[in-house]
Amino acid sequence: MDGENLVINVPLAPWELALGTEVAVPTLTGRINLKVPAGSQNGQRMRAKGHGLLNKAGQRGFLFIQLKAVMPKQADDETLALWQELAKKAAFNPRENF
């Protein structure tokens, strides 16, 4: 919480971040549908105007929605093989500029 602004972490599968998705996010006044664009990053924040706390003027602040990648706790052999194939085909080094 930051003044009249709120922060919520929304768990997403890695493929939802990569491919994009739409997810229902709880707010103080009900759920909103959030479109997560393809290529979104873990920890990225999105902003929903008017979904935070009420201020003295009766206006709502922002709801900051922080995207959080969550890995499955278990994976079968077929799923692991798919992850390995993706690792080979993607040729992506996340620590290239580390």
PDB file of N, CA and C in Angstrom:
ATOM      1  N   MET A   1       0.847  -1.176   0.000  1.00  0.00           N
ATOM      2  CA  MET A   1       0.000   0.000   0.000  1.00  0.00           C
ATOM      3  C   MET A   1       0.893   1.240   0.000  1.00  0.00           C
ATOM      4  N   ASP A   2       0.501   2.215  -0.784  1.00  0.00           N
ATOM      5  CA  ASP A   2       1.237   3.471  -0.893  1.00  0.00           C
ATOM      6  C   ASP A   2       0.219   4.605  -1.000  1.00  0.00           C
ATOM      7  N   GLY A   3      -0.134   5.226   0.136  1.00  0.00           N
ATOM      8  CA  GLY A   3      -1.171   6.248   0.115  1.00  0.00           C
ATOM      9  C   GLY A   3      -2.488   5.625  -0.279  1.00  0.00           C
ATOM     10  N   GLU A   4      -3.105   6.148  -1.349  1.00  0.00           N
ATOM     11  CA  GLU A   4      -4.360   5.555  -1.812  1.00  0.00           C
ATOM     12  C   GLU A   4      -4.138   4.491  -2.881  1.00  0.00           C
ATOM     13  N   ASN A   5      -2.874   4.163  -3.154  1.00  0.00           N
ATOM     14  CA  ASN A   5      -2.547   3.138  -4.136  1.00  0.00           C
ATOM     15  C   ASN A   5      -2.341   1.789  -3.457  1.00  0.00           C
ATOM     16  N   LEU A   6      -2.738   0.738  -4.140  1.00  0.00           N
ATOM     17  CA  LEU A   6      -2.571  -0.622  -3.642  1.00  0.00           C
ATOM     18  C   LEU A   6      -1.710  -1.416  -4.613  1.00  0.00           C
ATOM     19  N   VAL A   7      -1.094  -2.486  -4.109  1.00  0.00           N
ATOM     20  CA  VAL A   7      -0.294  -3.382  -4.944  1.00  0.00           C
ATOM     21  C   VAL A   7      -0.801  -4.796  -4.721  1.00  0.00           C
ATOM     22  N   ILE A   8      -0.979  -5.548  -5.802  1.00  0.00           N
ATOM     23  CA  ILE A   8      -1.368  -6.952  -5.715  1.00  0.00           C
ATOM     24  C   ILE A   8      -0.448  -7.759  -6.615  1.00  0.00           C
ATOM     25  N   ASN A   9      -0.010  -8.927  -6.140  1.00  0.00           N
ATOM     26  CA  ASN A   9       0.779  -9.854  -6.950  1.00  0.00           C
ATOM     27  C   ASN A   9      -0.170 -10.838  -7.611  1.00  0.00           C
ATOM     28  N   VAL A  10      -0.030 -11.005  -8.918  1.00  0.00           N
ATOM     29  CA  VAL A  10      -0.875 -11.929  -9.667  1.00  0.00           C
ATOM     30  C   VAL A  10      -0.009 -13.073 -10.184  1.00  0.00           C
ATOM     31  N   PRO A  11      -0.261 -14.302  -9.711  1.00  0.00           N
ATOM     32  CA  PRO A  11       0.529 -15.446 -10.162  1.00  0.00           C
ATOM     33  C   PRO A  11       0.160 -15.854 -11.591  1.00  0.00           C
ATOM     34  N   LEU A  12       1.190 -16.068 -12.403  1.00  0.00           N
ATOM     35  CA  LEU A  12       1.008 -16.486 -13.795  1.00  0.00           C
ATOM     36  C   LEU A  12       1.992 -17.597 -14.131  1.00  0.00           C
ATOM     37  N   ALA A  13       1.581 -18.492 -14.998  1.00  0.00           N
ATOM     38  CA  ALA A  13       2.487 -19.521 -15.507  1.00  0.00           C
ATOM     39  C   ALA A  13       3.469 -18.862 -16.476  1.00  0.00           C
ATOM     40  N   PRO A  14       4.680 -19.399 -16.602  1.00  0.00           N
ATOM     41  CA  PRO A  14       5.657 -18.807 -17.524  1.00  0.00           C
ATOM     42  C   PRO A  14       5.129 -18.663 -18.947  1.00  0.00           C
ATOM     43  N   TRP A  15       4.348 -19.630 -19.413  1.00  0.00           N
ATOM     44  CA  TRP A  15       3.819 -19.557 -20.773  1.00  0.00           C
ATOM     45  C   TRP A  15       2.758 -18.467 -20.904  1.00  0.00           C
ATOM     46  N   GLU A  16       2.076 -18.109 -19.807  1.00  0.00           N
ATOM     47  CA  GLU A  16       1.129 -17.001 -19.866  1.00  0.00           C
ATOM     48  C   GLU A  16       1.864 -15.677 -20.058  1.00  0.00           C
ATOM     49  N   LEU A  17       3.019 -15.531 -19.410  1.00  0.00           N
ATOM     50  CA  LEU A  17       3.834 -14.336 -19.624  1.00  0.00           C
ATOM     51  C   LEU A  17       4.356 -14.301 -21.056  1.00  0.00           C
ATOM     52  N   ALA A  18       4.801 -15.436 -21.548  1.00  0.00           N
ATOM     53  CA  ALA A  18       5.385 -15.495 -22.893  1.00  0.00           C
ATOM     54  C   ALA A  18       4.341 -15.274 -23.984  1.00  0.00           C
ATOM     55  N   LEU A  19       3.184 -15.896 -23.840  1.00  0.00           N
ATOM     56  CA  LEU A  19       2.182 -15.884 -24.908  1.00  0.00           C
ATOM     57  C   LEU A  19       1.113 -14.816 -24.737  1.00  0.00           C
ATOM     58  N   GLY A  20       0.992 -14.275 -23.535  1.00  0.00           N
ATOM     59  CA  GLY A  20      -0.074 -13.332 -23.231  1.00  0.00           C
ATOM     60  C   GLY A  20      -1.309 -14.075 -22.759  1.00  0.00           C
ATOM     61  N   THR A  21      -2.124 -13.401 -21.985  1.00  0.00           N
ATOM     62  CA  THR A  21      -3.340 -14.012 -21.455  1.00  0.00           C
ATOM     63  C   THR A  21      -4.264 -12.922 -20.932  1.00  0.00           C
ATOM     64  N   GLU A  22      -5.439 -13.320 -20.542  1.00  0.00           N
ATOM     65  CA  GLU A  22      -6.358 -12.433 -19.835  1.00  0.00           C
ATOM     66  C   GLU A  22      -6.680 -13.104 -18.511  1.00  0.00           C
ATOM     67  N   VAL A  23      -6.606 -12.343 -17.435  1.00  0.00           N
ATOM     68  CA  VAL A  23      -6.802 -12.916 -16.103  1.00  0.00           C
ATOM     69  C   VAL A  23      -7.726 -12.005 -15.292  1.00  0.00           C
ATOM     70  N   ALA A  24      -8.609 -12.627 -14.500  1.00  0.00           N
ATOM     71  CA  ALA A  24      -9.496 -11.868 -13.611  1.00  0.00           C
ATOM     72  C   ALA A  24      -8.711 -11.518 -12.349  1.00  0.00           C
ATOM     73  N   VAL A  25      -8.651 -10.228 -12.034  1.00  0.00           N
ATOM     74  CA  VAL A  25      -7.893  -9.731 -10.881  1.00  0.00           C
ATOM     75  C   VAL A  25      -8.880  -9.182  -9.849  1.00  0.00           C
ATOM     76  N   PRO A  26      -8.771  -9.645  -8.595  1.00  0.00           N
ATOM     77  CA  PRO A  26      -9.668  -9.108  -7.575  1.00  0.00           C
ATOM     78  C   PRO A  26      -9.291  -7.677  -7.200  1.00  0.00           C
ATOM     79  N   THR A  27     -10.313  -6.838  -7.014  1.00  0.00           N
ATOM     80  CA  THR A  27     -10.113  -5.464  -6.556  1.00  0.00           C
ATOM     81  C   THR A  27     -11.059  -5.219  -5.378  1.00  0.00           C
ATOM     82  N   LEU A  28     -11.006  -4.045  -4.820  1.00  0.00           N
ATOM     83  CA  LEU A  28     -11.888  -3.709  -3.706  1.00  0.00           C
ATOM     84  C   LEU A  28     -13.358  -3.662  -4.119  1.00  0.00           C
ATOM     85  N   THR A  29     -13.612  -3.445  -5.390  1.00  0.00           N
ATOM     86  CA  THR A  29     -14.986  -3.295  -5.866  1.00  0.00           C
ATOM     87  C   THR A  29     -15.433  -4.438  -6.772  1.00  0.00           C
ATOM     88  N   GLY A  30     -14.678  -5.511  -6.827  1.00  0.00           N
ATOM     89  CA  GLY A  30     -15.012  -6.642  -7.693  1.00  0.00           C
ATOM     90  C   GLY A  30     -13.821  -7.010  -8.562  1.00  0.00           C
ATOM     91  N   ARG A  31     -14.033  -7.899  -9.473  1.00  0.00           N
ATOM     92  CA  ARG A  31     -12.943  -8.360 -10.340  1.00  0.00           C
ATOM     93  C   ARG A  31     -12.885  -7.517 -11.618  1.00  0.00           C
ATOM     94  N   ILE A  32     -11.652  -7.353 -12.107  1.00  0.00           N
ATOM     95  CA  ILE A  32     -11.458  -6.722 -13.417  1.00  0.00           C
ATOM     96  C   ILE A  32     -10.701  -7.705 -14.293  1.00  0.00           C
ATOM     97  N   ASN A  33     -10.916  -7.638 -15.579  1.00  0.00           N
ATOM     98  CA  ASN A  33     -10.177  -8.481 -16.517  1.00  0.00           C
ATOM     99  C   ASN A  33      -8.943  -7.723 -16.975  1.00  0.00           C
ATOM    100  N   LEU A  34      -7.783  -8.326 -16.742  1.00  0.00           N
ATOM    101  CA  LEU A  34      -6.513  -7.720 -17.108  1.00  0.00           C
ATOM    102  C   LEU A  34      -5.933  -8.455 -18.305  1.00  0.00           C
ATOM    103  N   LYS A  35      -5.611  -7.711 -19.345  1.00  0.00           N
ATOM    104  CA  LYS A  35      -4.942  -8.297 -20.511  1.00  0.00           C
ATOM    105  C   LYS A  35      -3.441  -8.198 -20.282  1.00  0.00           C
ATOM    106  N   VAL A  36      -2.795  -9.347 -20.186  1.00  0.00           N
ATOM    107  CA  VAL A  36      -1.344  -9.416 -20.022  1.00  0.00           C
ATOM    108  C   VAL A  36      -0.759  -9.616 -21.411  1.00  0.00           C
ATOM    109  N   PRO A  37       0.014  -8.647 -21.910  1.00  0.00           N
ATOM    110  CA  PRO A  37       0.556  -8.773 -23.269  1.00  0.00           C
ATOM    111  C   PRO A  37       1.616  -9.871 -23.367  1.00  0.00           C
ATOM    112  N   ALA A  38       1.724 -10.461 -24.543  1.00  0.00           N
ATOM    113  CA  ALA A  38       2.774 -11.441 -24.801  1.00  0.00           C
ATOM    114  C   ALA A  38       4.134 -10.793 -24.567  1.00  0.00           C
ATOM    115  N   GLY A  39       5.047 -11.545 -23.979  1.00  0.00           N
ATOM    116  CA  GLY A  39       6.383 -11.034 -23.712  1.00  0.00           C
ATOM    117  C   GLY A  39       6.494 -10.266 -22.413  1.00  0.00           C
ATOM    118  N   SER A  40       5.462 -10.322 -21.571  1.00  0.00           N
ATOM    119  CA  SER A  40       5.533  -9.650 -20.273  1.00  0.00           C
ATOM    120  C   SER A  40       6.603 -10.310 -19.410  1.00  0.00           C
ATOM    121  N   GLN A  41       7.115  -9.555 -18.447  1.00  0.00           N
ATOM    122  CA  GLN A  41       8.226 -10.022 -17.625  1.00  0.00           C
ATOM    123  C   GLN A  41       7.787 -10.262 -16.178  1.00  0.00           C
ATOM    124  N   ASN A  42       8.442 -11.213 -15.532  1.00  0.00           N
ATOM    125  CA  ASN A  42       8.231 -11.447 -14.113  1.00  0.00           C
ATOM    126  C   ASN A  42       8.570 -10.159 -13.355  1.00  0.00           C
ATOM    127  N   GLY A  43       7.702  -9.747 -12.429  1.00  0.00           N
ATOM    128  CA  GLY A  43       7.939  -8.538 -11.654  1.00  0.00           C
ATOM    129  C   GLY A  43       7.430  -7.269 -12.304  1.00  0.00           C
ATOM    130  N   GLN A  44       7.038  -7.352 -13.565  1.00  0.00           N
ATOM    131  CA  GLN A  44       6.510  -6.177 -14.272  1.00  0.00           C
ATOM    132  C   GLN A  44       5.241  -5.701 -13.585  1.00  0.00           C
ATOM    133  N   ARG A  45       5.053  -4.394 -13.536  1.00  0.00           N
ATOM    134  CA  ARG A  45       3.849  -3.824 -12.933  1.00  0.00           C
ATOM    135  C   ARG A  45       2.947  -3.222 -13.998  1.00  0.00           C
ATOM    136  N   MET A  46       1.664  -3.439 -13.801  1.00  0.00           N
ATOM    137  CA  MET A  46       0.648  -2.816 -14.642  1.00  0.00           C
ATOM    138  C   MET A  46      -0.222  -1.978 -13.709  1.00  0.00           C
ATOM    139  N   ARG A  47      -0.911  -0.999 -14.254  1.00  0.00           N
ATOM    140  CA  ARG A  47      -1.652  -0.057 -13.412  1.00  0.00           C
ATOM    141  C   ARG A  47      -3.119  -0.035 -13.809  1.00  0.00           C
ATOM    142  N   ALA A  48      -3.997  -0.140 -12.802  1.00  0.00           N
ATOM    143  CA  ALA A  48      -5.437  -0.030 -13.024  1.00  0.00           C
ATOM    144  C   ALA A  48      -5.935   1.217 -12.286  1.00  0.00           C
ATOM    145  N   LYS A  49      -6.288   2.220 -13.042  1.00  0.00           N
ATOM    146  CA  LYS A  49      -6.746   3.490 -12.473  1.00  0.00           C
ATOM    147  C   LYS A  49      -8.117   3.315 -11.813  1.00  0.00           C
ATOM    148  N   GLY A  50      -8.270   3.937 -10.635  1.00  0.00           N
ATOM    149  CA  GLY A  50      -9.564   3.939  -9.974  1.00  0.00           C
ATOM    150  C   GLY A  50      -9.910   2.679  -9.208  1.00  0.00           C
ATOM    151  N   HIS A  51      -8.918   1.844  -8.912  1.00  0.00           N
ATOM    152  CA  HIS A  51      -9.180   0.600  -8.185  1.00  0.00           C
ATOM    153  C   HIS A  51      -8.406   0.524  -6.873  1.00  0.00           C
ATOM    154  N   GLY A  52      -7.852   1.637  -6.420  1.00  0.00           N
ATOM    155  CA  GLY A  52      -7.150   1.689  -5.139  1.00  0.00           C
ATOM    156  C   GLY A  52      -8.092   2.137  -4.032  1.00  0.00           C
ATOM    157  N   LEU A  53      -7.516   2.689  -2.974  1.00  0.00           N
ATOM    158  CA  LEU A  53      -8.288   3.181  -1.839  1.00  0.00           C
ATOM    159  C   LEU A  53      -8.889   4.550  -2.141  1.00  0.00           C
ATOM    160  N   LEU A  54      -9.958   4.868  -1.444  1.00  0.00           N
ATOM    161  CA  LEU A  54     -10.566   6.191  -1.574  1.00  0.00           C
ATOM    162  C   LEU A  54      -9.693   7.232  -0.875  1.00  0.00           C
ATOM    163  N   ASN A  55      -9.518   8.390  -1.511  1.00  0.00           N
ATOM    164  CA  ASN A  55      -8.802   9.481  -0.854  1.00  0.00           C
ATOM    165  C   ASN A  55      -9.824  10.449  -0.255  1.00  0.00           C
ATOM    166  N   LYS A  56      -9.353  11.538   0.335  1.00  0.00           N
ATOM    167  CA  LYS A  56     -10.248  12.503   0.991  1.00  0.00           C
ATOM    168  C   LYS A  56     -11.220  13.162   0.016  1.00  0.00           C
ATOM    169  N   ALA A  57     -10.834  13.226  -1.241  1.00  0.00           N
ATOM    170  CA  ALA A  57     -11.699  13.828  -2.257  1.00  0.00           C
ATOM    171  C   ALA A  57     -12.729  12.832  -2.800  1.00  0.00           C
ATOM    172  N   GLY A  58     -12.709  11.593  -2.284  1.00  0.00           N
ATOM    173  CA  GLY A  58     -13.657  10.578  -2.734  1.00  0.00           C
ATOM    174  C   GLY A  58     -13.271   9.891  -4.022  1.00  0.00           C
ATOM    175  N   GLN A  59     -12.019  10.070  -4.447  1.00  0.00           N
ATOM    176  CA  GLN A  59     -11.538   9.416  -5.662  1.00  0.00           C
ATOM    177  C   GLN A  59     -10.646   8.242  -5.273  1.00  0.00           C
ATOM    178  N   ARG A  60     -10.647   7.217  -6.103  1.00  0.00           N
ATOM    179  CA  ARG A  60      -9.829   6.042  -5.837  1.00  0.00           C
ATOM    180  C   ARG A  60      -8.451   6.189  -6.478  1.00  0.00           C
ATOM    181  N   GLY A  61      -7.472   5.651  -5.777  1.00  0.00           N
ATOM    182  CA  GLY A  61      -6.111   5.636  -6.299  1.00  0.00           C
ATOM    183  C   GLY A  61      -5.935   4.525  -7.320  1.00  0.00           C
ATOM    184  N   PHE A  62      -4.692   4.163  -7.562  1.00  0.00           N
ATOM    185  CA  PHE A  62      -4.359   3.119  -8.525  1.00  0.00           C
ATOM    186  C   PHE A  62      -4.228   1.769  -7.832  1.00  0.00           C
ATOM    187  N   LEU A  63      -4.495   0.717  -8.578  1.00  0.00           N
ATOM    188  CA  LEU A  63      -4.144  -0.640  -8.176  1.00  0.00           C
ATOM    189  C   LEU A  63      -2.985  -1.044  -9.071  1.00  0.00           C
ATOM    190  N   PHE A  64      -1.818  -1.252  -8.479  1.00  0.00           N
ATOM    191  CA  PHE A  64      -0.661  -1.710  -9.237  1.00  0.00           C
ATOM    192  C   PHE A  64      -0.655  -3.231  -9.202  1.00  0.00           C
ATOM    193  N   ILE A  65      -0.645  -3.835 -10.364  1.00  0.00           N
ATOM    194  CA  ILE A  65      -0.714  -5.283 -10.503  1.00  0.00           C
ATOM    195  C   ILE A  65       0.664  -5.768 -10.903  1.00  0.00           C
ATOM    196  N   GLN A  66       1.300  -6.489  -9.995  1.00  0.00           N
ATOM    197  CA  GLN A  66       2.650  -6.989 -10.245  1.00  0.00           C
ATOM    198  C   GLN A  66       2.553  -8.441 -10.718  1.00  0.00           C
ATOM    199  N   LEU A  67       3.140  -8.707 -11.879  1.00  0.00           N
ATOM    200  CA  LEU A  67       3.105 -10.041 -12.467  1.00  0.00           C
ATOM    201  C   LEU A  67       4.156 -10.930 -11.806  1.00  0.00           C
ATOM    202  N   LYS A  68       3.754 -12.135 -11.432  1.00  0.00           N
ATOM    203  CA  LYS A  68       4.663 -13.050 -10.746  1.00  0.00           C
ATOM    204  C   LYS A  68       4.624 -14.415 -11.425  1.00  0.00           C
ATOM    205  N   ALA A  69       5.755 -14.802 -12.021  1.00  0.00           N
ATOM    206  CA  ALA A  69       5.845 -16.120 -12.653  1.00  0.00           C
ATOM    207  C   ALA A  69       5.889 -17.195 -11.577  1.00  0.00           C
ATOM    208  N   VAL A  70       5.089 -18.222 -11.760  1.00  0.00           N
ATOM    209  CA  VAL A  70       5.039 -19.340 -10.824  1.00  0.00           C
ATOM    210  C   VAL A  70       5.266 -20.623 -11.618  1.00  0.00           C
ATOM    211  N   MET A  71       6.246 -21.395 -11.181  1.00  0.00           N
ATOM    212  CA  MET A  71       6.567 -22.662 -11.840  1.00  0.00           C
ATOM    213  C   MET A  71       5.726 -23.790 -11.253  1.00  0.00           C
ATOM    214  N   PRO A  72       5.336 -24.753 -12.069  1.00  0.00           N
ATOM    215  CA  PRO A  72       4.649 -25.932 -11.524  1.00  0.00           C
ATOM    216  C   PRO A  72       5.570 -26.645 -10.527  1.00  0.00           C
ATOM    217  N   LYS A  73       5.003 -27.157  -9.446  1.00  0.00           N
ATOM    218  CA  LYS A  73       5.810 -27.838  -8.426  1.00  0.00           C
ATOM    219  C   LYS A  73       6.311 -29.189  -8.901  1.00  0.00           C
ATOM    220  N   GLN A  74       5.555 -29.815  -9.783  1.00  0.00           N
ATOM    221  CA  GLN A  74       5.956 -31.124 -10.297  1.00  0.00           C
ATOM    222  C   GLN A  74       5.784 -31.144 -11.806  1.00  0.00           C
ATOM    223  N   ALA A  75       6.604 -31.948 -12.449  1.00  0.00           N
ATOM    224  CA  ALA A  75       6.497 -32.095 -13.899  1.00  0.00           C
ATOM    225  C   ALA A  75       6.800 -33.539 -14.268  1.00  0.00           C
ATOM    226  N   ASP A  76       6.005 -34.081 -15.179  1.00  0.00           N
ATOM    227  CA  ASP A  76       6.267 -35.442 -15.640  1.00  0.00           C
ATOM    228  C   ASP A  76       7.382 -35.421 -16.691  1.00  0.00           C
ATOM    229  N   ASP A  77       7.798 -36.587 -17.113  1.00  0.00           N
ATOM    230  CA  ASP A  77       8.908 -36.700 -18.070  1.00  0.00           C
ATOM    231  C   ASP A  77       8.608 -35.980 -19.391  1.00  0.00           C
ATOM    232  N   GLU A  78       7.365 -36.069 -19.861  1.00  0.00           N
ATOM    233  CA  GLU A  78       6.998 -35.432 -21.123  1.00  0.00           C
ATOM    234  C   GLU A  78       7.109 -33.902 -21.007  1.00  0.00           C
ATOM    235  N   THR A  79       6.651 -33.358 -19.885  1.00  0.00           N
ATOM    236  CA  THR A  79       6.739 -31.914 -19.668  1.00  0.00           C
ATOM    237  C   THR A  79       8.184 -31.464 -19.562  1.00  0.00           C
ATOM    238  N   LEU A  80       8.997 -32.215 -18.852  1.00  0.00           N
ATOM    239  CA  LEU A  80      10.425 -31.882 -18.747  1.00  0.00           C
ATOM    240  C   LEU A  80      11.094 -31.916 -20.114  1.00  0.00           C
ATOM    241  N   ALA A  81      10.721 -32.889 -20.947  1.00  0.00           N
ATOM    242  CA  ALA A  81      11.285 -32.971 -22.299  1.00  0.00           C
ATOM    243  C   ALA A  81      10.902 -31.728 -23.113  1.00  0.00           C
ATOM    244  N   LEU A  82       9.683 -31.244 -22.937  1.00  0.00           N
ATOM    245  CA  LEU A  82       9.262 -30.028 -23.640  1.00  0.00           C
ATOM    246  C   LEU A  82      10.064 -28.813 -23.173  1.00  0.00           C
ATOM    247  N   TRP A  83      10.312 -28.714 -21.861  1.00  0.00           N
ATOM    248  CA  TRP A  83      11.137 -27.615 -21.336  1.00  0.00           C
ATOM    249  C   TRP A  83      12.554 -27.698 -21.916  1.00  0.00           C
ATOM    250  N   GLN A  84      13.092 -28.908 -22.003  1.00  0.00           N
ATOM    251  CA  GLN A  84      14.442 -29.088 -22.560  1.00  0.00           C
ATOM    252  C   GLN A  84      14.477 -28.698 -24.033  1.00  0.00           C
ATOM    253  N   GLU A  85      13.445 -29.080 -24.775  1.00  0.00           N
ATOM    254  CA  GLU A  85      13.370 -28.709 -26.190  1.00  0.00           C
ATOM    255  C   GLU A  85      13.274 -27.191 -26.344  1.00  0.00           C
ATOM    256  N   LEU A  86      12.482 -26.555 -25.508  1.00  0.00           N
ATOM    257  CA  LEU A  86      12.357 -25.109 -25.541  1.00  0.00           C
ATOM    258  C   LEU A  86      13.701 -24.448 -25.236  1.00  0.00           C
ATOM    259  N   ALA A  87      14.418 -24.965 -24.249  1.00  0.00           N
ATOM    260  CA  ALA A  87      15.724 -24.398 -23.882  1.00  0.00           C
ATOM    261  C   ALA A  87      16.687 -24.458 -25.062  1.00  0.00           C
ATOM    262  N   LYS A  88      16.662 -25.548 -25.804  1.00  0.00           N
ATOM    263  CA  LYS A  88      17.548 -25.693 -26.967  1.00  0.00           C
ATOM    264  C   LYS A  88      17.137 -24.762 -28.113  1.00  0.00           C
ATOM    265  N   LYS A  89      15.843 -24.715 -28.408  1.00  0.00           N
ATOM    266  CA  LYS A  89      15.365 -23.928 -29.544  1.00  0.00           C
ATOM    267  C   LYS A  89      15.415 -22.430 -29.281  1.00  0.00           C
ATOM    268  N   ALA A  90      15.181 -22.023 -28.055  1.00  0.00           N
ATOM    269  CA  ALA A  90      15.140 -20.600 -27.740  1.00  0.00           C
ATOM    270  C   ALA A  90      16.526 -19.966 -27.792  1.00  0.00           C
ATOM    271  N   ALA A  91      17.541 -20.720 -27.441  1.00  0.00           N
ATOM    272  CA  ALA A  91      18.919 -20.199 -27.421  1.00  0.00           C
ATOM    273  C   ALA A  91      18.958 -18.848 -26.702  1.00  0.00           C
ATOM    274  N   PHE A  92      18.357 -18.795 -25.538  1.00  0.00           N
ATOM    275  CA  PHE A  92      18.220 -17.565 -24.771  1.00  0.00           C
ATOM    276  C   PHE A  92      19.080 -17.651 -23.512  1.00  0.00           C
ATOM    277  N   ASN A  93      19.901 -16.627 -23.287  1.00  0.00           N
ATOM    278  CA  ASN A  93      20.728 -16.562 -22.085  1.00  0.00           C
ATOM    279  C   ASN A  93      20.224 -15.397 -21.232  1.00  0.00           C
ATOM    280  N   PRO A  94      19.503 -15.685 -20.150  1.00  0.00           N
ATOM    281  CA  PRO A  94      18.952 -14.597 -19.334  1.00  0.00           C
ATOM    282  C   PRO A  94      20.018 -13.806 -18.591  1.00  0.00           C
ATOM    283  N   ARG A  95      21.224 -14.323 -18.527  1.00  0.00           N
ATOM    284  CA  ARG A  95      22.314 -13.637 -17.816  1.00  0.00           C
ATOM    285  C   ARG A  95      23.326 -12.997 -18.771  1.00  0.00           C
ATOM    286  N   GLU A  96      22.928 -12.792 -20.009  1.00  0.00           N
ATOM    287  CA  GLU A  96      23.828 -12.236 -21.028  1.00  0.00           C
ATOM    288  C   GLU A  96      24.441 -10.924 -20.583  1.00  0.00           C
ATOM    289  N   ASN A  97      23.684 -10.053 -19.953  1.00  0.00           N
ATOM    290  CA  ASN A  97      24.191  -8.745 -19.531  1.00  0.00           C
ATOM    291  C   ASN A  97      24.354  -8.671 -18.012  1.00  0.00           C
ATOM    292  N   PHE A  98      24.480  -9.786 -17.371  1.00  0.00           N
ATOM    293  CA  PHE A  98      24.557  -9.861 -15.909  1.00  0.00           C
ATOM    294  C   PHE A  98      25.918  -9.439 -15.405  1.00  0.00           C
TER     295      PHE A  98
END
